[in-house]
Amino acid sequence: QVQLVESGGGLVQAGGSLRLSCAASGSIFRFNVMGWYRQTPGKQRELVASITSGGSTNYAESVKGRFTISRDNAKNTVYLQMNSLKPEDTAGYYCRYNRAGIVNYYWGQGTQVTVSS
């Protein structure tokens, strides 16, 4: 089992910044993928950014150049630095973990990000 605890959400004005953190604990495998997803009411959860334990990253087109995902493997923690936030970034943000190559996902409880115009 893997537990994920997110933090760092909140209310920010358009153009502002927030940093999300997700700490993983439990049965963490050395080779894994961690990522951030977001969801608004009535819509499917979508990928924001992901990062492998080796440091390879993947971003949604809508956040490229504004968001940066990073991780500290020693702390089993992944971060999402969000800059130049827009009202359309408003969503619940969820952290996800999976062992590399294994389709068995663990999710955090989510943290709300609200961007006011």
Protein backbone atom coordinates (compact mmCIF):
# COMPACT_ATOMS: atom_id res chain seq x y z
CA GLN A 1 0.00 0.00 0.00
CA VAL A 2 1.02 3.56 -0.71
CA GLN A 3 -0.30 6.66 1.00
CA LEU A 4 -0.15 10.08 -0.61
CA VAL A 5 -0.61 13.35 1.24
CA GLU A 6 -0.96 16.56 -0.74
CA SER A 7 -0.57 20.11 0.47
CA GLY A 8 -0.16 23.63 -0.85
CA GLY A 9 -3.47 24.43 -2.50
CA GLY A 10 -5.36 27.63 -1.90
CA LEU A 11 -6.79 30.80 -3.36
CA VAL A 12 -4.62 33.00 -5.55
CA GLN A 13 -5.17 35.85 -7.98
CA ALA A 14 -4.61 35.38 -11.68
CA GLY A 15 -0.94 35.73 -12.49
CA GLY A 16 0.10 34.43 -9.10
CA SER A 17 1.93 31.30 -8.05
CA LEU A 18 1.38 28.26 -5.87
CA ARG A 19 3.49 25.25 -5.02
CA LEU A 20 1.90 21.90 -4.40
CA SER A 21 3.61 19.06 -2.54
CA CYS A 22 2.79 15.37 -2.40
CA ALA A 23 4.53 13.09 0.06
CA ALA A 24 4.38 9.34 -0.52
CA SER A 25 4.81 6.72 2.16
CA GLY A 26 4.44 2.98 2.46
CA SER A 27 5.63 0.43 -0.08
CA ILE A 28 7.50 2.76 -2.43
CA PHE A 29 9.32 1.04 -5.26
CA ARG A 30 12.56 2.51 -6.52
CA PHE A 31 11.28 2.82 -10.09
CA ASN A 32 8.00 4.69 -10.10
CA VAL A 33 6.00 7.47 -11.67
CA MET A 34 4.37 10.29 -9.77
CA GLY A 35 2.13 12.90 -11.23
CA TRP A 36 -0.43 15.61 -10.75
CA TYR A 37 -3.91 15.45 -12.19
CA ARG A 38 -6.76 17.92 -11.92
CA GLN A 39 -10.50 17.72 -12.07
CA THR A 40 -13.40 20.15 -12.19
CA PRO A 41 -17.04 19.24 -11.56
CA GLY A 42 -18.58 17.31 -14.42
CA LYS A 43 -15.27 16.73 -16.19
CA GLN A 44 -12.85 13.85 -16.30
CA ARG A 45 -9.65 13.97 -14.34
CA GLU A 46 -6.81 15.10 -16.62
CA LEU A 47 -3.06 14.89 -16.50
CA VAL A 48 -1.24 18.08 -15.53
CA ALA A 49 2.30 16.75 -15.27
CA SER A 50 4.15 13.58 -14.38
CA ILE A 51 7.70 12.65 -13.52
CA THR A 52 9.50 9.34 -13.33
CA SER A 53 11.94 8.35 -10.61
CA GLY A 54 14.64 8.93 -13.23
CA GLY A 55 13.50 12.50 -13.78
CA SER A 56 11.70 12.26 -17.11
CA THR A 57 8.79 14.67 -17.26
CA ASN A 58 5.56 15.01 -19.20
CA TYR A 59 3.26 18.04 -19.27
CA ALA A 60 -0.18 18.89 -20.53
CA GLU A 61 0.04 21.42 -23.35
CA SER A 62 -2.06 23.88 -21.37
CA VAL A 63 0.54 24.19 -18.60
CA LYS A 64 3.81 23.99 -20.52
CA GLY A 65 6.02 26.95 -19.73
CA ARG A 66 4.02 27.83 -16.61
CA PHE A 67 4.16 24.73 -14.40
CA THR A 68 7.22 22.75 -13.33
CA ILE A 69 7.14 19.31 -11.77
CA SER A 70 10.05 18.09 -9.68
CA ARG A 71 10.76 15.45 -7.08
CA ASP A 72 12.98 14.57 -4.17
CA ASN A 73 13.49 10.82 -4.28
CA ALA A 74 15.10 10.74 -0.85
CA LYS A 75 11.88 12.18 0.59
CA ASN A 76 9.50 10.39 -1.80
CA THR A 77 7.98 13.77 -2.49
CA VAL A 78 6.86 15.39 -5.73
CA TYR A 79 6.27 19.09 -6.22
CA LEU A 80 4.31 21.16 -8.69
CA GLN A 81 5.39 24.76 -9.04
CA MET A 82 2.56 26.67 -10.70
CA ASN A 83 3.31 30.13 -12.07
CA SER A 84 1.27 32.57 -14.12
CA LEU A 85 -1.90 30.95 -12.89
CA LYS A 86 -5.11 31.47 -14.82
CA PRO A 87 -8.75 31.15 -13.74
CA GLU A 88 -9.01 28.06 -15.93
CA ASP A 89 -6.43 26.36 -13.71
CA THR A 90 -9.04 26.29 -10.96
CA ALA A 91 -9.61 22.65 -10.03
CA GLY A 92 -9.05 19.94 -7.48
CA TYR A 93 -5.47 18.76 -7.88
CA TYR A 94 -4.69 15.11 -7.18
CA CYS A 95 -1.39 13.34 -6.78
CA ARG A 96 -0.96 9.90 -8.29
CA TYR A 97 1.67 7.20 -7.81
CA ASN A 98 2.32 3.98 -9.63
CA ARG A 99 5.15 1.54 -9.82
CA ALA A 100 6.85 1.88 -13.21
CA GLY A 101 5.21 -0.44 -15.74
CA ILE A 102 2.43 -1.43 -13.36
CA VAL A 103 -1.13 -0.25 -13.94
CA ASN A 104 -2.10 0.00 -10.28
CA TYR A 105 -2.59 3.59 -9.23
CA TYR A 106 -2.69 5.21 -5.86
CA TRP A 107 -4.32 8.60 -5.41
CA GLY A 108 -4.10 11.32 -2.83
CA GLN A 109 -7.14 13.00 -1.33
CA GLY A 110 -6.72 16.11 -3.45
CA THR A 111 -6.10 19.77 -2.78
CA GLN A 112 -8.18 22.65 -4.14
CA VAL A 113 -6.62 25.37 -6.25
CA THR A 114 -8.77 28.41 -6.95
CA VAL A 115 -7.57 31.22 -9.22
CA SER A 116 -9.58 34.42 -9.13
CA SER A 117 -9.72 36.81 -12.06
